[in-house]
Amino acid sequence: MILYNVTINVEDGLHDEWLEWMVNEHIPKVMKTGMFLSNKIFRIISRLAEETGTTYSFQYFANSIEDYEIYRTVYSPVLQQESLERFGEEYLPLAFRTVLEEV
């Protein structure tokens, strides 16, 4: 099992619109690729006092590293471009991605 984790911090002024878009548009498109078996969303509650906004962990579970690699090379660039077009560069939330393998 492969876990593709996307951790994203989104500023308060954009939060509600962005989260609604993630849940109702972006995540369904990611899942429609067929590369992931399931997904989960977690709001991160432990954070530094100086951090602003809200941080989420979006977790996508793939059957194999090959499925993840197909997603990364074929589907991810298009979906990331949609995010850029929707919210613009200046509003893009801080994000980092991690790929984990279940042992």
PDB file of N, CA and C in Angstrom:
ATOM      1  N   MET A   1       0.849  -1.174   0.000  1.00  0.00           N
ATOM      2  CA  MET A   1       0.000   0.000   0.000  1.00  0.00           C
ATOM      3  C   MET A   1       0.894   1.236   0.000  1.00  0.00           C
ATOM      4  N   ILE A   2       0.563   2.185  -0.843  1.00  0.00           N
ATOM      5  CA  ILE A   2       1.292   3.448  -0.946  1.00  0.00           C
ATOM      6  C   ILE A   2       0.380   4.569  -0.470  1.00  0.00           C
ATOM      7  N   LEU A   3       0.920   5.438   0.363  1.00  0.00           N
ATOM      8  CA  LEU A   3       0.197   6.621   0.824  1.00  0.00           C
ATOM      9  C   LEU A   3       0.832   7.845   0.201  1.00  0.00           C
ATOM     10  N   TYR A   4       0.037   8.569  -0.545  1.00  0.00           N
ATOM     11  CA  TYR A   4       0.455   9.860  -1.105  1.00  0.00           C
ATOM     12  C   TYR A   4      -0.178  10.918  -0.229  1.00  0.00           C
ATOM     13  N   ASN A   5       0.643  11.624   0.527  1.00  0.00           N
ATOM     14  CA  ASN A   5       0.169  12.623   1.479  1.00  0.00           C
ATOM     15  C   ASN A   5       0.497  14.023   0.966  1.00  0.00           C
ATOM     16  N   VAL A   6      -0.513  14.877   0.915  1.00  0.00           N
ATOM     17  CA  VAL A   6      -0.321  16.270   0.527  1.00  0.00           C
ATOM     18  C   VAL A   6      -0.696  17.117   1.729  1.00  0.00           C
ATOM     19  N   THR A   7       0.284  17.810   2.296  1.00  0.00           N
ATOM     20  CA  THR A   7       0.052  18.688   3.439  1.00  0.00           C
ATOM     21  C   THR A   7      -0.020  20.113   2.911  1.00  0.00           C
ATOM     22  N   ILE A   8      -1.124  20.782   3.237  1.00  0.00           N
ATOM     23  CA  ILE A   8      -1.388  22.110   2.679  1.00  0.00           C
ATOM     24  C   ILE A   8      -1.799  23.063   3.779  1.00  0.00           C
ATOM     25  N   ASN A   9      -1.177  24.240   3.799  1.00  0.00           N
ATOM     26  CA  ASN A   9      -1.598  25.328   4.684  1.00  0.00           C
ATOM     27  C   ASN A   9      -2.294  26.378   3.835  1.00  0.00           C
ATOM     28  N   VAL A  10      -3.503  26.718   4.218  1.00  0.00           N
ATOM     29  CA  VAL A  10      -4.273  27.699   3.467  1.00  0.00           C
ATOM     30  C   VAL A  10      -4.638  28.860   4.393  1.00  0.00           C
ATOM     31  N   GLU A  11      -4.485  30.071   3.883  1.00  0.00           N
ATOM     32  CA  GLU A  11      -4.770  31.269   4.669  1.00  0.00           C
ATOM     33  C   GLU A  11      -6.265  31.422   4.924  1.00  0.00           C
ATOM     34  N   ASP A  12      -6.587  32.083   6.012  1.00  0.00           N
ATOM     35  CA  ASP A  12      -7.969  32.212   6.453  1.00  0.00           C
ATOM     36  C   ASP A  12      -8.880  32.860   5.411  1.00  0.00           C
ATOM     37  N   GLY A  13      -8.424  33.886   4.713  1.00  0.00           N
ATOM     38  CA  GLY A  13      -9.257  34.592   3.754  1.00  0.00           C
ATOM     39  C   GLY A  13      -9.682  33.757   2.570  1.00  0.00           C
ATOM     40  N   LEU A  14      -8.950  32.720   2.276  1.00  0.00           N
ATOM     41  CA  LEU A  14      -9.235  31.845   1.140  1.00  0.00           C
ATOM     42  C   LEU A  14      -9.829  30.512   1.583  1.00  0.00           C
ATOM     43  N   HIS A  15      -9.772  30.240   2.860  1.00  0.00           N
ATOM     44  CA  HIS A  15     -10.065  28.919   3.401  1.00  0.00           C
ATOM     45  C   HIS A  15     -11.390  28.324   2.948  1.00  0.00           C
ATOM     46  N   ASP A  16     -12.486  29.000   3.173  1.00  0.00           N
ATOM     47  CA  ASP A  16     -13.798  28.399   2.932  1.00  0.00           C
ATOM     48  C   ASP A  16     -14.013  28.047   1.466  1.00  0.00           C
ATOM     49  N   GLU A  17     -13.694  28.977   0.569  1.00  0.00           N
ATOM     50  CA  GLU A  17     -13.847  28.721  -0.868  1.00  0.00           C
ATOM     51  C   GLU A  17     -12.924  27.591  -1.307  1.00  0.00           C
ATOM     52  N   TRP A  18     -11.680  27.634  -0.831  1.00  0.00           N
ATOM     53  CA  TRP A  18     -10.692  26.633  -1.213  1.00  0.00           C
ATOM     54  C   TRP A  18     -11.085  25.239  -0.724  1.00  0.00           C
ATOM     55  N   LEU A  19     -11.503  25.115   0.544  1.00  0.00           N
ATOM     56  CA  LEU A  19     -11.859  23.807   1.083  1.00  0.00           C
ATOM     57  C   LEU A  19     -13.083  23.240   0.357  1.00  0.00           C
ATOM     58  N   GLU A  20     -14.050  24.078   0.075  1.00  0.00           N
ATOM     59  CA  GLU A  20     -15.226  23.611  -0.676  1.00  0.00           C
ATOM     60  C   GLU A  20     -14.813  23.103  -2.052  1.00  0.00           C
ATOM     61  N   TRP A  21     -13.915  23.822  -2.714  1.00  0.00           N
ATOM     62  CA  TRP A  21     -13.414  23.401  -4.027  1.00  0.00           C
ATOM     63  C   TRP A  21     -12.659  22.071  -3.922  1.00  0.00           C
ATOM     64  N   MET A  22     -11.819  21.938  -2.893  1.00  0.00           N
ATOM     65  CA  MET A  22     -11.066  20.693  -2.708  1.00  0.00           C
ATOM     66  C   MET A  22     -12.011  19.508  -2.546  1.00  0.00           C
ATOM     67  N   VAL A  23     -12.987  19.650  -1.672  1.00  0.00           N
ATOM     68  CA  VAL A  23     -13.887  18.536  -1.340  1.00  0.00           C
ATOM     69  C   VAL A  23     -14.838  18.207  -2.489  1.00  0.00           C
ATOM     70  N   ASN A  24     -15.360  19.230  -3.149  1.00  0.00           N
ATOM     71  CA  ASN A  24     -16.403  19.004  -4.158  1.00  0.00           C
ATOM     72  C   ASN A  24     -15.896  18.879  -5.589  1.00  0.00           C
ATOM     73  N   GLU A  25     -14.688  19.376  -5.867  1.00  0.00           N
ATOM     74  CA  GLU A  25     -14.182  19.337  -7.236  1.00  0.00           C
ATOM     75  C   GLU A  25     -12.845  18.610  -7.360  1.00  0.00           C
ATOM     76  N   HIS A  26     -11.841  19.070  -6.627  1.00  0.00           N
ATOM     77  CA  HIS A  26     -10.487  18.538  -6.819  1.00  0.00           C
ATOM     78  C   HIS A  26     -10.367  17.068  -6.411  1.00  0.00           C
ATOM     79  N   ILE A  27     -10.751  16.736  -5.190  1.00  0.00           N
ATOM     80  CA  ILE A  27     -10.613  15.357  -4.715  1.00  0.00           C
ATOM     81  C   ILE A  27     -11.413  14.386  -5.582  1.00  0.00           C
ATOM     82  N   PRO A  28     -12.662  14.712  -5.958  1.00  0.00           N
ATOM     83  CA  PRO A  28     -13.366  13.784  -6.859  1.00  0.00           C
ATOM     84  C   PRO A  28     -12.633  13.552  -8.185  1.00  0.00           C
ATOM     85  N   LYS A  29     -11.973  14.583  -8.717  1.00  0.00           N
ATOM     86  CA  LYS A  29     -11.202  14.413  -9.951  1.00  0.00           C
ATOM     87  C   LYS A  29      -9.987  13.520  -9.713  1.00  0.00           C
ATOM     88  N   VAL A  30      -9.322  13.699  -8.581  1.00  0.00           N
ATOM     89  CA  VAL A  30      -8.179  12.837  -8.248  1.00  0.00           C
ATOM     90  C   VAL A  30      -8.640  11.384  -8.160  1.00  0.00           C
ATOM     91  N   MET A  31      -9.742  11.158  -7.482  1.00  0.00           N
ATOM     92  CA  MET A  31     -10.236   9.791  -7.311  1.00  0.00           C
ATOM     93  C   MET A  31     -10.736   9.202  -8.632  1.00  0.00           C
ATOM     94  N   LYS A  32     -11.258  10.038  -9.505  1.00  0.00           N
ATOM     95  CA  LYS A  32     -11.768   9.573 -10.794  1.00  0.00           C
ATOM     96  C   LYS A  32     -10.642   9.050 -11.701  1.00  0.00           C
ATOM     97  N   THR A  33      -9.385   9.400 -11.408  1.00  0.00           N
ATOM     98  CA  THR A  33      -8.269   8.889 -12.208  1.00  0.00           C
ATOM     99  C   THR A  33      -8.146   7.373 -12.086  1.00  0.00           C
ATOM    100  N   GLY A  34      -8.686   6.803 -11.019  1.00  0.00           N
ATOM    101  CA  GLY A  34      -8.591   5.369 -10.808  1.00  0.00           C
ATOM    102  C   GLY A  34      -7.255   4.909 -10.236  1.00  0.00           C
ATOM    103  N   MET A  35      -6.376   5.844  -9.903  1.00  0.00           N
ATOM    104  CA  MET A  35      -5.055   5.483  -9.397  1.00  0.00           C
ATOM    105  C   MET A  35      -5.041   5.292  -7.885  1.00  0.00           C
ATOM    106  N   PHE A  36      -6.116   5.719  -7.213  1.00  0.00           N
ATOM    107  CA  PHE A  36      -6.175   5.610  -5.759  1.00  0.00           C
ATOM    108  C   PHE A  36      -7.398   4.811  -5.339  1.00  0.00           C
ATOM    109  N   LEU A  37      -7.239   4.054  -4.257  1.00  0.00           N
ATOM    110  CA  LEU A  37      -8.305   3.213  -3.733  1.00  0.00           C
ATOM    111  C   LEU A  37      -9.248   3.981  -2.817  1.00  0.00           C
ATOM    112  N   SER A  38      -8.684   4.914  -2.034  1.00  0.00           N
ATOM    113  CA  SER A  38      -9.470   5.694  -1.087  1.00  0.00           C
ATOM    114  C   SER A  38      -8.693   6.949  -0.715  1.00  0.00           C
ATOM    115  N   ASN A  39      -9.368   7.821   0.021  1.00  0.00           N
ATOM    116  CA  ASN A  39      -8.710   9.043   0.478  1.00  0.00           C
ATOM    117  C   ASN A  39      -9.282   9.463   1.826  1.00  0.00           C
ATOM    118  N   LYS A  40      -8.517  10.275   2.540  1.00  0.00           N
ATOM    119  CA  LYS A  40      -8.941  10.839   3.821  1.00  0.00           C
ATOM    120  C   LYS A  40      -8.435  12.271   3.907  1.00  0.00           C
ATOM    121  N   ILE A  41      -9.138  13.060   4.708  1.00  0.00           N
ATOM    122  CA  ILE A  41      -8.729  14.438   4.973  1.00  0.00           C
ATOM    123  C   ILE A  41      -8.601  14.596   6.482  1.00  0.00           C
ATOM    124  N   PHE A  42      -7.483  15.171   6.915  1.00  0.00           N
ATOM    125  CA  PHE A  42      -7.273  15.479   8.322  1.00  0.00           C
ATOM    126  C   PHE A  42      -6.903  16.943   8.462  1.00  0.00           C
ATOM    127  N   ARG A  43      -7.466  17.599   9.454  1.00  0.00           N
ATOM    128  CA  ARG A  43      -7.040  18.951   9.817  1.00  0.00           C
ATOM    129  C   ARG A  43      -5.964  18.781  10.880  1.00  0.00           C
ATOM    130  N   ILE A  44      -4.830  19.406  10.682  1.00  0.00           N
ATOM    131  CA  ILE A  44      -3.716  19.294  11.621  1.00  0.00           C
ATOM    132  C   ILE A  44      -3.978  20.254  12.777  1.00  0.00           C
ATOM    133  N   ILE A  45      -3.988  19.710  13.982  1.00  0.00           N
ATOM    134  CA  ILE A  45      -4.320  20.543  15.143  1.00  0.00           C
ATOM    135  C   ILE A  45      -3.101  20.940  15.970  1.00  0.00           C
ATOM    136  N   SER A  46      -1.976  20.272  15.808  1.00  0.00           N
ATOM    137  CA  SER A  46      -0.758  20.667  16.516  1.00  0.00           C
ATOM    138  C   SER A  46       0.091  21.489  15.563  1.00  0.00           C
ATOM    139  N   ARG A  47       0.359  22.724  15.938  1.00  0.00           N
ATOM    140  CA  ARG A  47       1.134  23.607  15.077  1.00  0.00           C
ATOM    141  C   ARG A  47       1.835  24.659  15.915  1.00  0.00           C
ATOM    142  N   LEU A  48       2.760  25.363  15.303  1.00  0.00           N
ATOM    143  CA  LEU A  48       3.510  26.407  15.983  1.00  0.00           C
ATOM    144  C   LEU A  48       2.626  27.628  16.192  1.00  0.00           C
ATOM    145  N   ALA A  49       2.860  28.351  17.264  1.00  0.00           N
ATOM    146  CA  ALA A  49       2.035  29.516  17.609  1.00  0.00           C
ATOM    147  C   ALA A  49       2.089  30.590  16.529  1.00  0.00           C
ATOM    148  N   GLU A  50       3.214  30.725  15.833  1.00  0.00           N
ATOM    149  CA  GLU A  50       3.350  31.790  14.829  1.00  0.00           C
ATOM    150  C   GLU A  50       2.742  31.436  13.476  1.00  0.00           C
ATOM    151  N   GLU A  51       2.299  30.204  13.300  1.00  0.00           N
ATOM    152  CA  GLU A  51       1.695  29.808  12.027  1.00  0.00           C
ATOM    153  C   GLU A  51       0.311  30.427  11.889  1.00  0.00           C
ATOM    154  N   THR A  52      -0.021  30.800  10.669  1.00  0.00           N
ATOM    155  CA  THR A  52      -1.342  31.338  10.391  1.00  0.00           C
ATOM    156  C   THR A  52      -2.083  30.387   9.471  1.00  0.00           C
ATOM    157  N   GLY A  53      -3.367  30.591   9.329  1.00  0.00           N
ATOM    158  CA  GLY A  53      -4.157  29.765   8.450  1.00  0.00           C
ATOM    159  C   GLY A  53      -4.473  28.416   9.072  1.00  0.00           C
ATOM    160  N   THR A  54      -4.939  27.499   8.229  1.00  0.00           N
ATOM    161  CA  THR A  54      -5.305  26.144   8.648  1.00  0.00           C
ATOM    162  C   THR A  54      -4.522  25.154   7.800  1.00  0.00           C
ATOM    163  N   THR A  55      -4.029  24.109   8.430  1.00  0.00           N
ATOM    164  CA  THR A  55      -3.227  23.115   7.725  1.00  0.00           C
ATOM    165  C   THR A  55      -3.982  21.786   7.680  1.00  0.00           C
ATOM    166  N   TYR A  56      -3.962  21.175   6.491  1.00  0.00           N
ATOM    167  CA  TYR A  56      -4.641  19.903   6.260  1.00  0.00           C
ATOM    168  C   TYR A  56      -3.658  18.872   5.729  1.00  0.00           C
ATOM    169  N   SER A  57      -3.986  17.623   5.998  1.00  0.00           N
ATOM    170  CA  SER A  57      -3.297  16.486   5.400  1.00  0.00           C
ATOM    171  C   SER A  57      -4.315  15.760   4.529  1.00  0.00           C
ATOM    172  N   PHE A  58      -4.080  15.764   3.219  1.00  0.00           N
ATOM    173  CA  PHE A  58      -4.923  15.042   2.270  1.00  0.00           C
ATOM    174  C   PHE A  58      -4.197  13.750   1.945  1.00  0.00           C
ATOM    175  N   GLN A  59      -4.820  12.622   2.246  1.00  0.00           N
ATOM    176  CA  GLN A  59      -4.177  11.329   2.092  1.00  0.00           C
ATOM    177  C   GLN A  59      -4.888  10.508   1.022  1.00  0.00           C
ATOM    178  N   TYR A  60      -4.099  10.032   0.080  1.00  0.00           N
ATOM    179  CA  TYR A  60      -4.605   9.208  -1.019  1.00  0.00           C
ATOM    180  C   TYR A  60      -3.885   7.870  -0.974  1.00  0.00           C
ATOM    181  N   PHE A  61      -4.637   6.777  -0.987  1.00  0.00           N
ATOM    182  CA  PHE A  61      -4.079   5.437  -0.850  1.00  0.00           C
ATOM    183  C   PHE A  61      -4.078   4.728  -2.198  1.00  0.00           C
ATOM    184  N   ALA A  62      -2.882   4.324  -2.632  1.00  0.00           N
ATOM    185  CA  ALA A  62      -2.717   3.629  -3.913  1.00  0.00           C
ATOM    186  C   ALA A  62      -2.326   2.183  -3.655  1.00  0.00           C
ATOM    187  N   ASN A  63      -2.699   1.332  -4.568  1.00  0.00           N
ATOM    188  CA  ASN A  63      -2.366  -0.080  -4.462  1.00  0.00           C
ATOM    189  C   ASN A  63      -0.882  -0.336  -4.686  1.00  0.00           C
ATOM    190  N   SER A  64      -0.233   0.490  -5.535  1.00  0.00           N
ATOM    191  CA  SER A  64       1.170   0.246  -5.871  1.00  0.00           C
ATOM    192  C   SER A  64       1.883   1.558  -6.194  1.00  0.00           C
ATOM    193  N   ILE A  65       3.204   1.504  -6.152  1.00  0.00           N
ATOM    194  CA  ILE A  65       4.002   2.669  -6.524  1.00  0.00           C
ATOM    195  C   ILE A  65       3.812   2.987  -8.005  1.00  0.00           C
ATOM    196  N   GLU A  66       3.538   1.965  -8.811  1.00  0.00           N
ATOM    197  CA  GLU A  66       3.293   2.177 -10.238  1.00  0.00           C
ATOM    198  C   GLU A  66       2.033   3.020 -10.453  1.00  0.00           C
ATOM    199  N   ASP A  67       0.976   2.745  -9.673  1.00  0.00           N
ATOM    200  CA  ASP A  67      -0.243   3.555  -9.782  1.00  0.00           C
ATOM    201  C   ASP A  67       0.039   5.003  -9.395  1.00  0.00           C
ATOM    202  N   TYR A  68       0.794   5.194  -8.314  1.00  0.00           N
ATOM    203  CA  TYR A  68       1.154   6.550  -7.913  1.00  0.00           C
ATOM    204  C   TYR A  68       1.954   7.254  -9.006  1.00  0.00           C
ATOM    205  N   GLU A  69       2.925   6.565  -9.590  1.00  0.00           N
ATOM    206  CA  GLU A  69       3.760   7.177 -10.628  1.00  0.00           C
ATOM    207  C   GLU A  69       2.937   7.559 -11.860  1.00  0.00           C
ATOM    208  N   ILE A  70       1.963   6.736 -12.214  1.00  0.00           N
ATOM    209  CA  ILE A  70       1.067   7.108 -13.323  1.00  0.00           C
ATOM    210  C   ILE A  70       0.310   8.375 -12.960  1.00  0.00           C
ATOM    211  N   TYR A  71      -0.205   8.436 -11.739  1.00  0.00           N
ATOM    212  CA  TYR A  71      -0.906   9.650 -11.304  1.00  0.00           C
ATOM    213  C   TYR A  71       0.022  10.863 -11.385  1.00  0.00           C
ATOM    214  N   ARG A  72       1.221  10.715 -10.838  1.00  0.00           N
ATOM    215  CA  ARG A  72       2.167  11.830 -10.767  1.00  0.00           C
ATOM    216  C   ARG A  72       2.546  12.358 -12.154  1.00  0.00           C
ATOM    217  N   THR A  73       2.750  11.467 -13.107  1.00  0.00           N
ATOM    218  CA  THR A  73       3.222  11.894 -14.421  1.00  0.00           C
ATOM    219  C   THR A  73       2.102  12.255 -15.394  1.00  0.00           C
ATOM    220  N   VAL A  74       0.958  11.579 -15.290  1.00  0.00           N
ATOM    221  CA  VAL A  74      -0.121  11.780 -16.263  1.00  0.00           C
ATOM    222  C   VAL A  74      -1.169  12.777 -15.767  1.00  0.00           C
ATOM    223  N   TYR A  75      -1.618  12.610 -14.531  1.00  0.00           N
ATOM    224  CA  TYR A  75      -2.782  13.362 -14.045  1.00  0.00           C
ATOM    225  C   TYR A  75      -2.429  14.589 -13.205  1.00  0.00           C
ATOM    226  N   SER A  76      -1.430  14.475 -12.357  1.00  0.00           N
ATOM    227  CA  SER A  76      -1.111  15.541 -11.417  1.00  0.00           C
ATOM    228  C   SER A  76      -0.817  16.890 -12.083  1.00  0.00           C
ATOM    229  N   PRO A  77      -0.035  16.954 -13.163  1.00  0.00           N
ATOM    230  CA  PRO A  77       0.228  18.259 -13.765  1.00  0.00           C
ATOM    231  C   PRO A  77      -1.049  18.999 -14.192  1.00  0.00           C
ATOM    232  N   VAL A  78      -1.999  18.279 -14.737  1.00  0.00           N
ATOM    233  CA  VAL A  78      -3.262  18.900 -15.174  1.00  0.00           C
ATOM    234  C   VAL A  78      -4.051  19.405 -13.976  1.00  0.00           C
ATOM    235  N   LEU A  79      -4.134  18.591 -12.922  1.00  0.00           N
ATOM    236  CA  LEU A  79      -4.896  18.983 -11.746  1.00  0.00           C
ATOM    237  C   LEU A  79      -4.235  20.139 -11.000  1.00  0.00           C
ATOM    238  N   GLN A  80      -2.919  20.163 -10.948  1.00  0.00           N
ATOM    239  CA  GLN A  80      -2.228  21.290 -10.317  1.00  0.00           C
ATOM    240  C   GLN A  80      -2.414  22.566 -11.125  1.00  0.00           C
ATOM    241  N   GLN A  81      -2.452  22.451 -12.440  1.00  0.00           N
ATOM    242  CA  GLN A  81      -2.694  23.615 -13.293  1.00  0.00           C
ATOM    243  C   GLN A  81      -4.096  24.182 -13.053  1.00  0.00           C
ATOM    244  N   GLU A  82      -5.072  23.307 -12.863  1.00  0.00           N
ATOM    245  CA  GLU A  82      -6.430  23.763 -12.557  1.00  0.00           C
ATOM    246  C   GLU A  82      -6.448  24.575 -11.270  1.00  0.00           C
ATOM    247  N   SER A  83      -5.703  24.131 -10.277  1.00  0.00           N
ATOM    248  CA  SER A  83      -5.619  24.860  -9.009  1.00  0.00           C
ATOM    249  C   SER A  83      -5.000  26.237  -9.222  1.00  0.00           C
ATOM    250  N   LEU A  84      -3.941  26.288  -9.997  1.00  0.00           N
ATOM    251  CA  LEU A  84      -3.276  27.551 -10.307  1.00  0.00           C
ATOM    252  C   LEU A  84      -4.221  28.502 -11.022  1.00  0.00           C
ATOM    253  N   GLU A  85      -4.963  27.995 -11.991  1.00  0.00           N
ATOM    254  CA  GLU A  85      -5.905  28.828 -12.732  1.00  0.00           C
ATOM    255  C   GLU A  85      -7.061  29.296 -11.854  1.00  0.00           C
ATOM    256  N   ARG A  86      -7.488  28.461 -10.941  1.00  0.00           N
ATOM    257  CA  ARG A  86      -8.617  28.798 -10.078  1.00  0.00           C
ATOM    258  C   ARG A  86      -8.256  29.852  -9.038  1.00  0.00           C
ATOM    259  N   PHE A  87      -7.088  29.699  -8.401  1.00  0.00           N
ATOM    260  CA  PHE A  87      -6.744  30.554  -7.271  1.00  0.00           C
ATOM    261  C   PHE A  87      -5.583  31.508  -7.531  1.00  0.00           C
ATOM    262  N   GLY A  88      -4.867  31.336  -8.623  1.00  0.00           N
ATOM    263  CA  GLY A  88      -3.759  32.226  -8.953  1.00  0.00           C
ATOM    264  C   GLY A  88      -2.532  31.958  -8.104  1.00  0.00           C
ATOM    265  N   GLU A  89      -1.390  32.354  -8.628  1.00  0.00           N
ATOM    266  CA  GLU A  89      -0.127  32.110  -7.929  1.00  0.00           C
ATOM    267  C   GLU A  89      -0.063  32.768  -6.565  1.00  0.00           C
ATOM    268  N   GLU A  90      -0.551  33.986  -6.464  1.00  0.00           N
ATOM    269  CA  GLU A  90      -0.444  34.708  -5.198  1.00  0.00           C
ATOM    270  C   GLU A  90      -1.305  34.101  -4.096  1.00  0.00           C
ATOM    271  N   TYR A  91      -2.285  33.290  -4.466  1.00  0.00           N
ATOM    272  CA  TYR A  91      -3.162  32.686  -3.478  1.00  0.00           C
ATOM    273  C   TYR A  91      -2.892  31.198  -3.254  1.00  0.00           C
ATOM    274  N   LEU A  92      -1.927  30.658  -3.968  1.00  0.00           N
ATOM    275  CA  LEU A  92      -1.645  29.230  -3.795  1.00  0.00           C
ATOM    276  C   LEU A  92      -1.198  28.962  -2.364  1.00  0.00           C
ATOM    277  N   PRO A  93      -1.808  27.986  -1.737  1.00  0.00           N
ATOM    278  CA  PRO A  93      -1.397  27.662  -0.370  1.00  0.00           C
ATOM    279  C   PRO A  93      -0.037  26.969  -0.357  1.00  0.00           C
ATOM    280  N   LEU A  94       0.614  27.070   0.772  1.00  0.00           N
ATOM    281  CA  LEU A  94       1.874  26.366   0.974  1.00  0.00           C
ATOM    282  C   LEU A  94       1.580  24.879   1.038  1.00  0.00           C
ATOM    283  N   ALA A  95       2.273  24.086   0.220  1.00  0.00           N
ATOM    284  CA  ALA A  95       2.003  22.643   0.171  1.00  0.00           C
ATOM    285  C   ALA A  95       3.307  21.867   0.053  1.00  0.00           C
ATOM    286  N   PHE A  96       3.321  20.672   0.641  1.00  0.00           N
ATOM    287  CA  PHE A  96       4.407  19.740   0.373  1.00  0.00           C
ATOM    288  C   PHE A  96       3.829  18.340   0.300  1.00  0.00           C
ATOM    289  N   ARG A  97       4.502  17.513  -0.457  1.00  0.00           N
ATOM    290  CA  ARG A  97       4.006  16.170  -0.761  1.00  0.00           C
ATOM    291  C   ARG A  97       4.995  15.120  -0.248  1.00  0.00           C
ATOM    292  N   THR A  98       4.433  14.016   0.248  1.00  0.00           N
ATOM    293  CA  THR A  98       5.227  12.913   0.760  1.00  0.00           C
ATOM    294  C   THR A  98       4.626  11.606   0.255  1.00  0.00           C
ATOM    295  N   VAL A  99       5.477  10.684  -0.149  1.00  0.00           N
ATOM    296  CA  VAL A  99       5.019   9.360  -0.574  1.00  0.00           C
ATOM    297  C   VAL A  99       5.568   8.363   0.429  1.00  0.00           C
ATOM    298  N   LEU A 100       4.673   7.543   1.002  1.00  0.00           N
ATOM    299  CA  LEU A 100       5.051   6.579   2.023  1.00  0.00           C
ATOM    300  C   LEU A 100       4.640   5.182   1.587  1.00  0.00           C
ATOM    301  N   GLU A 101       5.411   4.204   2.024  1.00  0.00           N
ATOM    302  CA  GLU A 101       5.092   2.801   1.734  1.00  0.00           C
ATOM    303  C   GLU A 101       4.788   2.093   3.046  1.00  0.00           C
ATOM    304  N   GLU A 102       3.661   1.397   3.067  1.00  0.00           N
ATOM    305  CA  GLU A 102       3.282   0.636   4.257  1.00  0.00           C
ATOM    306  C   GLU A 102       4.237  -0.544   4.420  1.00  0.00           C
ATOM    307  N   VAL A 103       4.682  -0.751   5.667  1.00  0.00           N
ATOM    308  CA  VAL A 103       5.584  -1.885   5.960  1.00  0.00           C
ATOM    309  C   VAL A 103       4.934  -2.817   6.972  1.00  0.00           C
TER     310      VAL A 103
END
